[in-house]
Amino acid sequence: MSLELCPTGGVQEPQDPALAPLFIEEQSGVAGVPDRRYRIGLPDFVIRHYGGALIEAARSRAAHRWFGEHERPAGYLRAQDLIS
């Protein structure tokens, strides 16, 4: 699972080295979700223990911007997406 963030105003290629590993540019597969966004890979243990809380936090903080869950094929996350 990953948490993908699409800031208002779009995402430019980050100059900050801390954000660079999170930046992706690929077709989102979801209408309204831009191709340029940030992706935070979430390890399995996080999903098992905190997945529900994470989803609820996203819904409660940005309900008007929450697109919901979207299933991706196995192998979707790249090794560099697995930041924890």
C-alpha atoms as a PDB file:
ATOM      1  CA  MET A   1       0.000   0.000   0.000  1.00  0.00           C
ATOM      2  CA  SER A   2       1.104   3.537  -0.560  1.00  0.00           C
ATOM      3  CA  LEU A   3      -0.157   6.940   0.422  1.00  0.00           C
ATOM      4  CA  GLU A   4      -0.094   9.281  -2.547  1.00  0.00           C
ATOM      5  CA  LEU A   5      -0.236  13.017  -2.011  1.00  0.00           C
ATOM      6  CA  CYS A   6      -1.258  15.547  -4.629  1.00  0.00           C
ATOM      7  CA  PRO A   7      -0.791  19.059  -3.199  1.00  0.00           C
ATOM      8  CA  THR A   8      -3.096  21.846  -4.340  1.00  0.00           C
ATOM      9  CA  GLY A   9      -1.499  23.660  -7.237  1.00  0.00           C
ATOM     10  CA  GLY A  10       0.288  20.559  -8.474  1.00  0.00           C
ATOM     11  CA  VAL A  11       3.683  19.067  -7.851  1.00  0.00           C
ATOM     12  CA  GLN A  12       6.849  20.342  -9.428  1.00  0.00           C
ATOM     13  CA  GLU A  13       9.965  18.219  -9.470  1.00  0.00           C
ATOM     14  CA  PRO A  14      11.293  18.766  -5.956  1.00  0.00           C
ATOM     15  CA  GLN A  15      14.512  20.650  -5.344  1.00  0.00           C
ATOM     16  CA  ASP A  16      14.560  19.502  -1.722  1.00  0.00           C
ATOM     17  CA  PRO A  17      16.572  16.257  -1.436  1.00  0.00           C
ATOM     18  CA  ALA A  18      14.218  15.032   1.308  1.00  0.00           C
ATOM     19  CA  LEU A  19      11.242  15.085  -1.092  1.00  0.00           C
ATOM     20  CA  ALA A  20      13.048  13.795  -4.188  1.00  0.00           C
ATOM     21  CA  PRO A  21      12.693  10.064  -3.332  1.00  0.00           C
ATOM     22  CA  LEU A  22       8.935  10.520  -2.880  1.00  0.00           C
ATOM     23  CA  PHE A  23       8.319  12.249  -6.229  1.00  0.00           C
ATOM     24  CA  ILE A  24       6.760  10.180  -9.013  1.00  0.00           C
ATOM     25  CA  GLU A  25       5.495  10.957 -12.457  1.00  0.00           C
ATOM     26  CA  GLU A  26       3.357   8.188 -13.898  1.00  0.00           C
ATOM     27  CA  GLN A  27      -0.190   7.732 -15.061  1.00  0.00           C
ATOM     28  CA  SER A  28      -2.385   7.573 -11.983  1.00  0.00           C
ATOM     29  CA  GLY A  29      -5.177   5.395 -13.368  1.00  0.00           C
ATOM     30  CA  VAL A  30      -7.722   7.390 -11.363  1.00  0.00           C
ATOM     31  CA  ALA A  31      -9.674  10.267 -12.894  1.00  0.00           C
ATOM     32  CA  GLY A  32      -8.776  13.580 -11.251  1.00  0.00           C
ATOM     33  CA  VAL A  33      -5.489  12.371  -9.775  1.00  0.00           C
ATOM     34  CA  PRO A  34      -2.506  14.100 -11.410  1.00  0.00           C
ATOM     35  CA  ASP A  35       0.373  12.157 -12.911  1.00  0.00           C
ATOM     36  CA  ARG A  36       2.912  14.141 -10.827  1.00  0.00           C
ATOM     37  CA  ARG A  37       2.553  13.455  -7.115  1.00  0.00           C
ATOM     38  CA  TYR A  38       4.323  12.195  -4.016  1.00  0.00           C
ATOM     39  CA  ARG A  39       4.166   8.516  -3.054  1.00  0.00           C
ATOM     40  CA  ILE A  40       4.967   7.231   0.399  1.00  0.00           C
ATOM     41  CA  GLY A  41       5.361   3.458   0.446  1.00  0.00           C
ATOM     42  CA  LEU A  42       3.940   1.864   3.560  1.00  0.00           C
ATOM     43  CA  PRO A  43       5.413  -1.407   4.855  1.00  0.00           C
ATOM     44  CA  ASP A  44       3.048  -4.316   5.539  1.00  0.00           C
ATOM     45  CA  PHE A  45       3.370  -4.032   9.319  1.00  0.00           C
ATOM     46  CA  VAL A  46       2.128  -0.426   9.163  1.00  0.00           C
ATOM     47  CA  ILE A  47      -0.940  -1.464   7.197  1.00  0.00           C
ATOM     48  CA  ARG A  48      -1.687  -4.377   9.548  1.00  0.00           C
ATOM     49  CA  HIS A  49      -1.422  -2.249  12.677  1.00  0.00           C
ATOM     50  CA  TYR A  50      -2.368   1.261  11.558  1.00  0.00           C
ATOM     51  CA  GLY A  51      -4.066   0.937   8.160  1.00  0.00           C
ATOM     52  CA  GLY A  52      -7.551   1.773   9.402  1.00  0.00           C
ATOM     53  CA  ALA A  53      -6.270   4.716  11.446  1.00  0.00           C
ATOM     54  CA  LEU A  54      -4.306   6.042   8.469  1.00  0.00           C
ATOM     55  CA  ILE A  55      -7.336   5.911   6.174  1.00  0.00           C
ATOM     56  CA  GLU A  56      -9.540   7.530   8.812  1.00  0.00           C
ATOM     57  CA  ALA A  57      -6.977  10.309   9.345  1.00  0.00           C
ATOM     58  CA  ALA A  58      -6.892  11.050   5.601  1.00  0.00           C
ATOM     59  CA  ARG A  59     -10.685  11.109   5.423  1.00  0.00           C
ATOM     60  CA  SER A  60     -11.074  13.308   8.504  1.00  0.00           C
ATOM     61  CA  ARG A  61      -8.365  15.824   7.496  1.00  0.00           C
ATOM     62  CA  ALA A  62      -9.200  16.126   3.807  1.00  0.00           C
ATOM     63  CA  ALA A  63     -12.578  14.502   3.182  1.00  0.00           C
ATOM     64  CA  HIS A  64     -13.262  16.817   0.235  1.00  0.00           C
ATOM     65  CA  ARG A  65     -10.006  15.625  -1.376  1.00  0.00           C
ATOM     66  CA  TRP A  66     -10.094  11.951  -0.453  1.00  0.00           C
ATOM     67  CA  PHE A  67     -10.271   9.757  -3.551  1.00  0.00           C
ATOM     68  CA  GLY A  68     -10.492   6.539  -1.570  1.00  0.00           C
ATOM     69  CA  GLU A  69      -8.638   3.313  -1.967  1.00  0.00           C
ATOM     70  CA  HIS A  70      -7.466   2.041  -5.326  1.00  0.00           C
ATOM     71  CA  GLU A  71      -6.165  -1.471  -5.866  1.00  0.00           C
ATOM     72  CA  ARG A  72      -2.898  -1.769  -7.772  1.00  0.00           C
ATOM     73  CA  PRO A  73      -1.339  -4.907  -9.240  1.00  0.00           C
ATOM     74  CA  ALA A  74       1.258  -6.879  -7.320  1.00  0.00           C
ATOM     75  CA  GLY A  75       4.736  -5.434  -7.755  1.00  0.00           C
ATOM     76  CA  TYR A  76       3.420  -1.887  -8.126  1.00  0.00           C
ATOM     77  CA  LEU A  77       5.754  -0.393  -5.516  1.00  0.00           C
ATOM     78  CA  ARG A  78       9.340   0.117  -6.547  1.00  0.00           C
ATOM     79  CA  ALA A  79      12.178  -0.578  -4.134  1.00  0.00           C
ATOM     80  CA  GLN A  80      12.710   3.191  -3.640  1.00  0.00           C
ATOM     81  CA  ASP A  81       9.034   3.538  -2.620  1.00  0.00           C
ATOM     82  CA  LEU A  82       9.601   1.398   0.458  1.00  0.00           C
ATOM     83  CA  ILE A  83      10.702   4.193   2.763  1.00  0.00           C
ATOM     84  CA  SER A  84       9.993   3.674   6.421  1.00  0.00           C
END
